Amino acid sequence: MKSTLLIVDDDDEIRTQLRWALSTDYEVIEAENRYKAVQLFQTHKPSVVLLDLGLPPHTGTPEEGLATLSKILDIESHTKVVIASGQNERDTALQAVGSGAYDFLAKPVDVEELKQLLKRCFHVAKLETDFRSMQRAMQSDGFDGMLGNSPAMQSVFGAIRKVAASEAPVLVLGESGTGKEVASRAIHQHSSRRDGPFIAINCSAIPETLLESELFGHEKGAFTGAHIQRKGRIEHASGGTLFLDEIGEIPLAIQVKLLRFLQEQTIERIGGRGEIEVDARVIAATNADLEKGIKEGTFREDFFYRLAVVRLMLPPLRDRGEDIRLVAQSFLHRFSAENNRQNLTFGQEAIRAIYRHGWPGNIRELQNRVRRAVIMGESNRLSAADLELDNLAAGFQAITLKDARENLEREMIRAALKKNGGKMAPAAVELGISRPTLYDLMDKLGLQKTNQET
């Protein structure tokens, strides 16, 4: 079935010419004034409208055209409205684009150029419609924050549904920023433990001397400063799920105690003498190569196989095709609502830059760039510059993806260190990686380490 295109123009001859040129590809409906245009739009709800600014009764001014644009976007804000304007109306056409129109063409309209633009408009409109449908479906399935129509993500969603029905430990793998905690929460929400707690702990963000107490708790007087009995995170997770992020950073001694808990479902608090039964499921996550850690002696093999009964691999954003745009649109919708900025869209230049970028920081990087663009962008159409992708995109044409990725990593590390006064630990937390990983990255990228360790 053909897509419906609404043409709004007071010139009957122009409408006839456009109908003949476009009717092979589209179901064309026509209006010569604002009243009829709004009436037809409400009846047919076309996703694309071609709009002339000079409409009766004031054909010499853009008032009626702009009013028609405003009314159409009030009815359906996602409509792609293309403005057809004379050369002397260029500034007004740009004003219309700033008010939510998708693009503009100068009169007399070049039919081939118009066909290409309309094809792009309908394609974008379909992507956005698919995204909204998928978002509703994902929300009804309980995958909070997880979006994706790519085969890789559909496979992930299927795996989550399967593993959620079991009690087996799960090891979630993937690069930094791919959404490992979000996936872990989705497993919890789909499981029989959904009404129990979801207790998360970042194993790399807690000093080694405190990590054992955080996990297992302690008895009063167990060590200096232990003035009261304190339950650990494992006990707090009883009846629910314990999420161990950055599991690769756990010291060997604590790996032994966690292995015992996985085998027997019992723990001992520090300073305690009795075993405590705890009914908690364990989900762990890491971006590290644990099998390499086993070979190097930093990760126990028996602990690895206890954790990795089921392995869930999350794909990097660069391997998810059209999902990149869907996720970007999701963030745009959320942050525009949070900042009370209506009718924000990505310009074509921004969309091209989004597809070209390698996204070494994955979803977390995309989220940060879109949030900044919504806050700092001055137009309703966000540009590659608003996303700070203009220089990066140009650079990718002259260098390899690996070099571009390393350049961005250097930029992000320097910015995090500067923001945190050169302190490595808080910089690592902000970057979403462990401190040892930050050290390794800085060595690889040739960055000098600071002497501030806290």
Protein backbone atom coordinates (compact mmCIF):
# COMPACT_ATOMS: atom_id res chain seq x y z
CA MET A 1 0.00 0.00 0.00
CA LYS A 2 1.30 3.46 -0.95
CA SER A 3 2.25 5.99 1.70
CA THR A 4 0.02 9.07 1.88
CA LEU A 5 1.47 12.48 1.00
CA LEU A 6 -0.39 15.72 1.71
CA ILE A 7 0.40 18.63 -0.63
CA VAL A 8 -0.71 22.07 0.58
CA ASP A 9 -0.48 24.82 -2.08
CA ASP A 10 -2.94 27.48 -3.28
CA ASP A 11 -1.78 27.13 -6.91
CA ASP A 12 -3.95 24.52 -8.65
CA GLU A 13 -1.48 24.14 -11.53
CA ILE A 14 1.43 23.39 -9.18
CA ARG A 15 -0.65 20.83 -7.27
CA THR A 16 -1.63 19.13 -10.55
CA GLN A 17 2.00 18.95 -11.72
CA LEU A 18 3.16 17.52 -8.40
CA ARG A 19 0.32 15.00 -8.32
CA TRP A 20 1.26 13.71 -11.77
CA ALA A 21 4.95 13.53 -10.79
CA LEU A 22 4.42 11.79 -7.42
CA SER A 23 1.25 9.71 -7.71
CA THR A 24 3.18 6.65 -8.93
CA ASP A 25 4.99 6.43 -5.58
CA TYR A 26 2.47 7.99 -3.17
CA GLU A 27 -1.23 8.35 -2.46
CA VAL A 28 -1.43 12.12 -3.00
CA ILE A 29 -4.07 14.24 -1.27
CA GLU A 30 -4.31 18.00 -1.83
CA ALA A 31 -5.37 21.13 0.02
CA GLU A 32 -5.37 24.76 -1.10
CA ASN A 33 -5.76 26.42 2.32
CA ARG A 34 -5.16 25.93 6.02
CA TYR A 35 -8.69 24.79 6.88
CA LYS A 36 -8.76 22.00 4.30
CA ALA A 37 -5.15 21.02 5.06
CA VAL A 38 -5.92 20.52 8.75
CA GLN A 39 -9.13 18.66 7.92
CA LEU A 40 -7.34 16.24 5.55
CA PHE A 41 -4.45 15.82 7.97
CA GLN A 42 -6.76 14.83 10.83
CA THR A 43 -8.57 12.35 8.57
CA HIS A 44 -5.59 10.68 6.84
CA LYS A 45 -2.70 11.35 9.30
CA PRO A 46 0.01 11.39 6.61
CA SER A 47 3.55 11.09 7.94
CA VAL A 48 4.88 13.61 5.36
CA VAL A 49 3.47 16.98 4.25
CA LEU A 50 4.68 19.29 1.44
CA LEU A 51 3.66 22.81 2.51
CA ASP A 52 3.68 26.13 0.67
CA LEU A 53 4.03 29.13 3.00
CA GLY A 54 1.95 31.55 0.94
CA LEU A 55 -1.63 30.43 1.56
CA PRO A 56 -4.91 32.36 1.33
CA PRO A 57 -6.20 34.71 2.49
CA HIS A 58 -2.67 36.17 2.87
CA THR A 59 -0.78 34.64 -0.04
CA GLY A 60 1.83 37.40 0.01
CA THR A 61 2.96 36.64 3.57
CA PRO A 62 4.00 33.44 5.38
CA GLU A 63 1.47 33.82 8.23
CA GLU A 64 -1.02 31.19 7.03
CA GLY A 65 1.71 28.73 6.09
CA LEU A 66 3.40 29.03 9.48
CA ALA A 67 0.03 28.70 11.22
CA THR A 68 -0.67 25.53 9.21
CA LEU A 69 2.74 24.14 10.17
CA SER A 70 2.07 24.87 13.84
CA LYS A 71 -1.36 23.21 13.77
CA ILE A 72 -0.09 20.07 12.00
CA LEU A 73 2.75 19.66 14.52
CA ASP A 74 0.32 20.24 17.39
CA ILE A 75 -1.78 17.33 16.11
CA GLU A 76 1.21 15.05 15.43
CA SER A 77 4.64 16.35 16.41
CA HIS A 78 6.51 13.59 14.52
CA THR A 79 5.18 14.66 11.09
CA LYS A 80 7.87 15.47 8.51
CA VAL A 81 6.83 18.81 7.00
CA VAL A 82 8.81 19.98 3.95
CA ILE A 83 8.48 23.70 3.19
CA ALA A 84 8.31 24.85 -0.45
CA SER A 85 9.43 28.48 -0.59
CA GLY A 86 10.36 31.17 -3.09
CA GLN A 87 13.86 32.64 -3.11
CA ASN A 88 12.62 35.73 -1.24
CA GLU A 89 11.17 33.49 1.47
CA ARG A 90 14.42 31.72 2.36
CA ASP A 91 14.77 33.37 5.78
CA THR A 92 11.15 32.52 6.58
CA ALA A 93 11.70 28.93 5.44
CA LEU A 94 14.67 28.69 7.80
CA GLN A 95 12.45 30.09 10.55
CA ALA A 96 9.92 27.36 9.78
CA VAL A 97 12.64 24.70 10.05
CA GLY A 98 13.57 26.17 13.41
CA SER A 99 9.90 25.78 14.41
CA GLY A 100 9.83 22.08 13.60
CA ALA A 101 9.66 21.73 9.80
CA TYR A 102 11.87 18.90 8.57
CA ASP A 103 13.44 20.66 5.55
CA PHE A 104 12.74 23.17 2.79
CA LEU A 105 13.03 23.39 -1.00
CA ALA A 106 13.27 26.51 -3.11
CA LYS A 107 10.68 27.16 -5.83
CA PRO A 108 10.47 26.29 -8.63
CA VAL A 109 10.81 22.79 -7.18
CA ASP A 110 13.17 20.37 -8.88
CA VAL A 111 11.10 17.19 -9.11
CA GLU A 112 14.04 14.78 -8.84
CA GLU A 113 15.39 16.61 -5.80
CA LEU A 114 11.90 16.56 -4.28
CA LYS A 115 11.57 12.82 -4.89
CA GLN A 116 14.84 12.13 -3.11
CA LEU A 117 13.88 14.34 -0.18
CA LEU A 118 10.44 12.74 0.16
CA LYS A 119 11.98 9.26 0.01
CA ARG A 120 14.26 10.23 2.89
CA CYS A 121 11.37 11.76 4.85
CA PHE A 122 9.22 8.65 4.59
CA HIS A 123 12.20 6.47 5.51
CA VAL A 124 12.93 8.53 8.63
CA ALA A 125 9.23 8.62 9.56
CA LYS A 126 9.05 4.82 9.30
CA LEU A 127 12.15 4.38 11.46
CA GLU A 128 10.69 6.63 14.13
CA THR A 129 7.32 4.85 14.00
CA ASP A 130 9.07 1.49 14.33
CA PHE A 131 11.07 2.86 17.24
CA ARG A 132 7.97 4.03 19.11
CA SER A 133 6.23 0.70 18.50
CA MET A 134 9.26 -1.19 19.67
CA GLN A 135 9.60 1.03 22.73
CA ARG A 136 6.02 0.26 23.72
CA ALA A 137 6.58 -3.44 23.15
CA MET A 138 9.80 -3.43 25.13
CA GLN A 139 8.16 -1.57 28.00
CA SER A 140 5.32 -4.08 28.08
CA ASP A 141 7.89 -6.87 28.18
CA GLY A 142 9.67 -5.21 31.10
CA PHE A 143 13.00 -4.43 29.44
CA ASP A 144 13.46 -1.05 31.08
CA GLY A 145 15.95 1.03 29.14
CA MET A 146 16.78 -1.74 26.67
CA LEU A 147 16.05 -0.98 23.05
CA GLY A 148 17.11 -2.72 19.89
CA ASN A 149 15.70 -4.21 16.74
CA SER A 150 18.97 -5.64 15.44
CA PRO A 151 19.43 -9.43 15.31
CA ALA A 152 22.15 -9.15 17.96
CA MET A 153 19.83 -7.43 20.46
CA GLN A 154 16.86 -9.66 19.64
CA SER A 155 19.13 -12.57 20.53
CA VAL A 156 19.99 -10.84 23.83
CA PHE A 157 16.30 -10.31 24.64
CA GLY A 158 15.57 -13.96 23.93
CA ALA A 159 18.45 -15.06 26.16
CA ILE A 160 17.22 -12.80 28.99
CA ARG A 161 13.77 -14.38 28.88
CA LYS A 162 15.26 -17.88 29.01
CA VAL A 163 17.81 -17.31 31.74
CA ALA A 164 15.35 -15.33 33.88
CA ALA A 165 13.28 -18.47 34.31
CA SER A 166 16.19 -20.29 35.97
CA GLU A 167 18.15 -19.78 39.19
CA ALA A 168 21.56 -20.28 37.55
CA PRO A 169 24.32 -17.69 38.06
CA VAL A 170 24.81 -15.45 35.03
CA LEU A 171 27.96 -13.76 33.73
CA VAL A 172 27.17 -10.68 31.62
CA LEU A 173 30.01 -9.73 29.27
CA GLY A 174 30.53 -6.69 27.09
CA GLU A 175 32.51 -3.53 26.56
CA SER A 176 32.19 -0.63 28.98
CA GLY A 177 28.95 1.26 28.41
CA THR A 178 27.01 -1.53 26.67
CA GLY A 179 24.35 -1.73 29.40
CA LYS A 180 25.42 -4.72 31.49
CA GLU A 181 23.65 -3.53 34.64
CA VAL A 182 20.48 -2.72 32.66
CA ALA A 183 20.50 -6.26 31.23
CA SER A 184 21.04 -7.69 34.71
CA ARG A 185 18.09 -5.74 36.07
CA ALA A 186 15.98 -7.04 33.19
CA ILE A 187 16.87 -10.62 34.15
CA HIS A 188 15.84 -9.85 37.75
CA GLN A 189 12.57 -8.22 36.67
CA HIS A 190 11.62 -11.23 34.54
CA SER A 191 12.51 -13.75 37.23
CA SER A 192 10.48 -15.18 40.11
CA ARG A 193 12.58 -12.93 42.35
CA ARG A 194 11.19 -9.73 40.85
CA ASP A 195 9.50 -8.76 44.13
CA GLY A 196 12.75 -9.18 46.04
CA PRO A 197 15.66 -6.72 46.22
CA PHE A 198 18.17 -6.06 43.45
CA ILE A 199 21.42 -5.26 45.25
CA ALA A 200 24.24 -3.90 43.07
CA ILE A 201 27.86 -3.44 44.05
CA ASN A 202 30.71 -2.12 41.90
CA CYS A 203 33.63 -4.27 43.00
CA SER A 204 36.23 -1.90 41.50
CA ALA A 205 34.87 1.22 43.22
CA ILE A 206 35.40 -0.08 46.78
CA PRO A 207 38.91 -0.33 48.29
CA GLU A 208 40.11 -3.89 48.74
CA THR A 209 40.32 -3.43 52.53
CA LEU A 210 36.60 -2.60 52.69
CA LEU A 211 35.23 -4.90 50.00
CA GLU A 212 35.02 -8.02 52.18
CA SER A 213 33.02 -6.16 54.84
CA GLU A 214 30.74 -4.64 52.19
CA LEU A 215 29.96 -8.06 50.78
CA PHE A 216 29.80 -10.25 53.87
CA GLY A 217 29.16 -7.79 56.71
CA HIS A 218 30.82 -7.88 60.12
CA GLU A 219 30.13 -8.48 63.79
CA LYS A 220 30.54 -5.84 66.46
CA GLY A 221 34.21 -5.59 67.49
CA ALA A 222 35.45 -7.58 64.50
CA PHE A 223 38.02 -4.88 63.76
CA THR A 224 38.86 -1.31 64.77
CA GLY A 225 35.87 0.87 64.02
CA ALA A 226 33.34 -1.99 63.95
CA HIS A 227 31.14 -0.50 66.66
CA ILE A 228 27.96 -2.30 65.62
CA GLN A 229 26.93 -5.45 63.83
CA ARG A 230 26.45 -4.79 60.11
CA LYS A 231 24.89 -6.95 57.41
CA GLY A 232 26.68 -7.11 54.07
CA ARG A 233 25.29 -6.71 50.57
CA ILE A 234 24.90 -10.47 50.17
CA GLU A 235 22.52 -10.69 53.12
CA HIS A 236 20.60 -7.66 51.93
CA ALA A 237 20.07 -9.46 48.60
CA SER A 238 18.34 -12.43 50.26
CA GLY A 239 15.15 -13.28 48.38
CA GLY A 240 16.37 -11.31 45.38
CA THR A 241 19.42 -10.80 43.17
CA LEU A 242 23.02 -9.79 43.95
CA PHE A 243 24.68 -7.96 41.05
CA LEU A 244 28.48 -7.95 41.15
CA ASP A 245 29.78 -5.41 38.64
CA GLU A 246 33.45 -5.44 37.57
CA ILE A 247 33.81 -8.97 38.98
CA GLY A 248 37.27 -9.24 37.43
CA GLU A 249 38.63 -6.77 40.00
CA ILE A 250 37.84 -8.93 43.06
CA PRO A 251 40.95 -10.12 44.97
CA LEU A 252 41.70 -13.84 45.06
CA ALA A 253 40.99 -14.16 48.80
CA ILE A 254 37.47 -12.79 48.37
CA GLN A 255 36.94 -14.95 45.27
CA VAL A 256 37.38 -17.98 47.56
CA LYS A 257 34.67 -16.77 49.95
CA LEU A 258 32.29 -15.94 47.09
CA LEU A 259 32.92 -19.37 45.57
CA ARG A 260 31.87 -20.97 48.85
CA PHE A 261 28.72 -18.86 48.92
CA LEU A 262 27.86 -19.91 45.35
CA GLN A 263 28.36 -23.57 46.26
CA GLU A 264 26.63 -23.66 49.64
CA GLN A 265 24.44 -20.51 49.81
CA THR A 266 25.94 -19.71 53.22
CA ILE A 267 28.24 -16.93 54.45
CA GLU A 268 30.10 -15.92 57.59
CA ARG A 269 30.34 -12.29 58.63
CA ILE A 270 33.80 -10.97 59.47
CA GLY A 271 34.37 -11.82 63.13
CA GLY A 272 31.42 -14.20 63.13
CA ARG A 273 31.43 -17.83 64.21
CA GLY A 274 28.23 -19.15 62.68
CA GLU A 275 27.10 -19.78 59.14
CA ILE A 276 24.20 -17.72 57.78
CA GLU A 277 22.00 -19.09 55.03
CA VAL A 278 21.29 -16.59 52.26
CA ASP A 279 18.91 -17.21 49.36
CA ALA A 280 20.26 -14.85 46.69
CA ARG A 281 20.86 -15.30 42.99
CA VAL A 282 24.18 -13.97 41.65
CA ILE A 283 24.61 -12.06 38.40
CA ALA A 284 28.12 -10.82 37.65
CA ALA A 285 29.39 -8.50 34.93
CA THR A 286 32.74 -7.50 33.50
CA ASN A 287 34.41 -5.98 30.46
CA ALA A 288 37.65 -7.80 31.33
CA ASP A 289 38.98 -11.00 29.76
CA LEU A 290 38.50 -13.41 32.68
CA GLU A 291 39.99 -16.36 30.81
CA LYS A 292 43.17 -14.30 30.39
CA GLY A 293 42.99 -13.58 34.11
CA ILE A 294 42.84 -17.33 34.79
CA LYS A 295 46.03 -17.88 32.75
CA GLU A 296 47.75 -15.01 34.57
CA GLY A 297 46.66 -16.26 37.99
CA THR A 298 44.52 -13.26 38.91
CA PHE A 299 41.18 -15.07 38.60
CA ARG A 300 40.29 -18.51 39.93
CA GLU A 301 39.21 -21.04 37.32
CA ASP A 302 36.73 -22.77 39.66
CA PHE A 303 35.17 -19.40 40.54
CA PHE A 304 34.89 -18.53 36.85
CA TYR A 305 32.98 -21.70 35.98
CA ARG A 306 30.67 -21.25 38.99
CA LEU A 307 29.83 -17.72 37.84
CA ALA A 308 29.58 -18.47 34.14
CA VAL A 309 26.92 -21.17 34.16
CA VAL A 310 25.19 -18.91 31.63
CA ARG A 311 27.11 -16.26 29.70
CA LEU A 312 25.30 -13.30 28.16
CA MET A 313 27.32 -11.26 25.66
CA LEU A 314 26.15 -7.70 24.96
CA PRO A 315 27.16 -6.36 21.53
CA PRO A 316 28.94 -3.00 21.19
CA LEU A 317 26.83 -0.16 19.81
CA ARG A 318 28.88 0.04 16.60
CA ASP A 319 27.74 -3.51 15.70
CA ARG A 320 24.01 -2.82 16.15
CA GLY A 321 23.19 -1.10 12.84
CA GLU A 322 19.95 0.90 12.89
CA ASP A 323 19.73 0.47 16.68
CA ILE A 324 22.17 3.37 17.01
CA ARG A 325 19.56 5.77 15.69
CA LEU A 326 16.74 4.21 17.69
CA VAL A 327 18.68 4.54 20.94
CA ALA A 328 19.70 8.12 20.06
CA GLN A 329 16.03 9.00 19.41
CA SER A 330 15.10 7.47 22.75
CA PHE A 331 17.62 9.63 24.58
CA LEU A 332 16.51 12.69 22.60
CA HIS A 333 12.89 12.09 23.61
CA ARG A 334 13.79 11.62 27.28
CA PHE A 335 16.16 14.57 27.65
CA SER A 336 14.00 16.99 25.63
CA ALA A 337 11.11 16.19 28.00
CA GLU A 338 13.36 16.64 31.05
CA ASN A 339 14.57 20.01 29.78
CA ASN A 340 11.16 21.19 28.50
CA ARG A 341 12.37 21.49 24.89
CA GLN A 342 9.68 20.36 22.47
CA ASN A 343 9.96 19.28 18.81
CA LEU A 344 13.70 18.60 18.94
CA THR A 345 15.01 16.51 16.05
CA PHE A 346 18.37 15.41 14.67
CA GLY A 347 19.44 17.17 11.49
CA GLN A 348 20.66 15.03 8.58
CA GLU A 349 24.25 16.06 9.26
CA ALA A 350 23.89 14.86 12.87
CA ILE A 351 22.38 11.54 11.77
CA ARG A 352 25.23 10.92 9.33
CA ALA A 353 27.75 11.73 12.09
CA ILE A 354 25.96 9.35 14.49
CA TYR A 355 26.30 6.50 12.00
CA ARG A 356 29.95 7.34 11.18
CA HIS A 357 31.12 7.54 14.77
CA GLY A 358 32.71 4.42 16.26
CA TRP A 359 31.14 4.83 19.76
CA PRO A 360 34.03 3.50 21.86
CA GLY A 361 32.03 4.52 24.96
CA ASN A 362 28.95 2.71 23.60
CA ILE A 363 25.50 3.60 24.98
CA ARG A 364 26.94 5.63 27.86
CA GLU A 365 28.82 7.87 25.42
CA LEU A 366 25.76 8.27 23.18
CA GLN A 367 23.63 9.17 26.19
CA ASN A 368 26.10 11.83 27.33
CA ARG A 369 26.45 13.39 23.89
CA VAL A 370 22.67 13.60 23.33
CA ARG A 371 22.09 15.04 26.81
CA ARG A 372 24.68 17.75 26.19
CA ALA A 373 23.22 18.54 22.76
CA VAL A 374 19.72 18.96 24.21
CA ILE A 375 21.01 21.31 26.90
CA MET A 376 23.43 23.34 24.76
CA GLY A 377 21.88 23.22 21.26
CA GLU A 378 20.22 26.47 20.16
CA SER A 379 18.15 25.15 17.24
CA ASN A 380 15.30 22.65 17.21
CA ARG A 381 17.38 20.61 14.77
CA LEU A 382 20.45 19.30 16.56
CA SER A 383 23.64 19.28 14.52
CA ALA A 384 26.81 17.20 14.53
CA ALA A 385 28.48 20.14 16.28
CA ASP A 386 25.85 20.03 19.04
CA LEU A 387 26.80 16.36 19.55
CA GLU A 388 30.50 17.33 19.33
CA LEU A 389 30.86 14.89 16.46
CA ASP A 390 31.72 17.36 13.68
CA ASN A 391 35.49 17.27 14.08
CA LEU A 392 35.48 13.59 14.99
CA ALA A 393 33.47 12.68 11.90
CA ALA A 394 35.85 14.61 9.66
CA GLY A 395 38.80 12.92 11.32
CA PHE A 396 37.47 9.43 10.62
CA GLN A 397 37.79 10.05 6.90
CA ALA A 398 41.56 10.49 7.19
CA ILE A 399 42.50 7.95 9.89
CA THR A 400 41.60 4.42 10.83
CA LEU A 401 38.74 3.57 13.18
CA LYS A 402 41.30 2.23 15.70
CA ASP A 403 43.20 5.55 15.69
CA ALA A 404 39.98 7.55 15.97
CA ARG A 405 38.86 5.42 18.90
CA GLU A 406 42.17 5.90 20.68
CA ASN A 407 42.01 9.66 20.09
CA LEU A 408 38.59 9.80 21.71
CA GLU A 409 39.74 7.65 24.62
CA ARG A 410 42.62 10.08 25.23
CA GLU A 411 40.21 13.01 25.11
CA MET A 412 37.77 11.40 27.57
CA ILE A 413 40.51 10.31 30.01
CA ARG A 414 42.14 13.75 30.02
CA ALA A 415 38.75 15.40 30.60
CA ALA A 416 37.89 13.02 33.47
CA LEU A 417 41.27 13.55 35.14
CA LYS A 418 41.01 17.33 34.78
CA LYS A 419 37.49 17.35 36.23
CA ASN A 420 38.61 15.23 39.21
CA GLY A 421 41.80 17.16 39.94
CA GLY A 422 44.07 14.44 38.59
CA LYS A 423 42.70 11.81 40.99
CA MET A 424 42.68 8.40 39.38
CA ALA A 425 39.94 6.59 41.36
CA PRO A 426 37.09 9.12 40.85
CA ALA A 427 38.17 9.59 37.21
CA ALA A 428 37.86 5.83 36.68
CA VAL A 429 34.39 5.79 38.28
CA GLU A 430 33.25 8.64 36.00
CA LEU A 431 34.56 6.79 32.93
CA GLY A 432 32.75 3.62 34.01
CA ILE A 433 35.92 1.52 34.25
CA SER A 434 38.08 0.14 37.04
CA ARG A 435 41.23 1.89 38.22
CA PRO A 436 43.51 -0.93 36.94
CA THR A 437 41.76 -0.68 33.57
CA LEU A 438 42.38 3.08 33.57
CA TYR A 439 46.09 2.44 34.28
CA ASP A 440 46.27 -0.05 31.40
CA LEU A 441 44.50 2.35 29.03
CA MET A 442 46.84 5.21 29.93
CA ASP A 443 49.86 2.96 29.31
CA LYS A 444 48.43 1.90 25.94
CA LEU A 445 47.63 5.48 24.92
CA GLY A 446 50.94 6.93 26.15
CA LEU A 447 49.35 9.13 28.81
CA GLN A 448 51.34 10.10 31.87
CA LYS A 449 49.84 8.94 35.18
CA THR A 450 49.29 11.40 38.00
CA ASN A 451 50.62 10.89 41.51
CA GLN A 452 47.20 11.44 43.09
CA GLU A 453 45.71 8.05 43.89
CA THR A 454 42.53 8.95 45.75
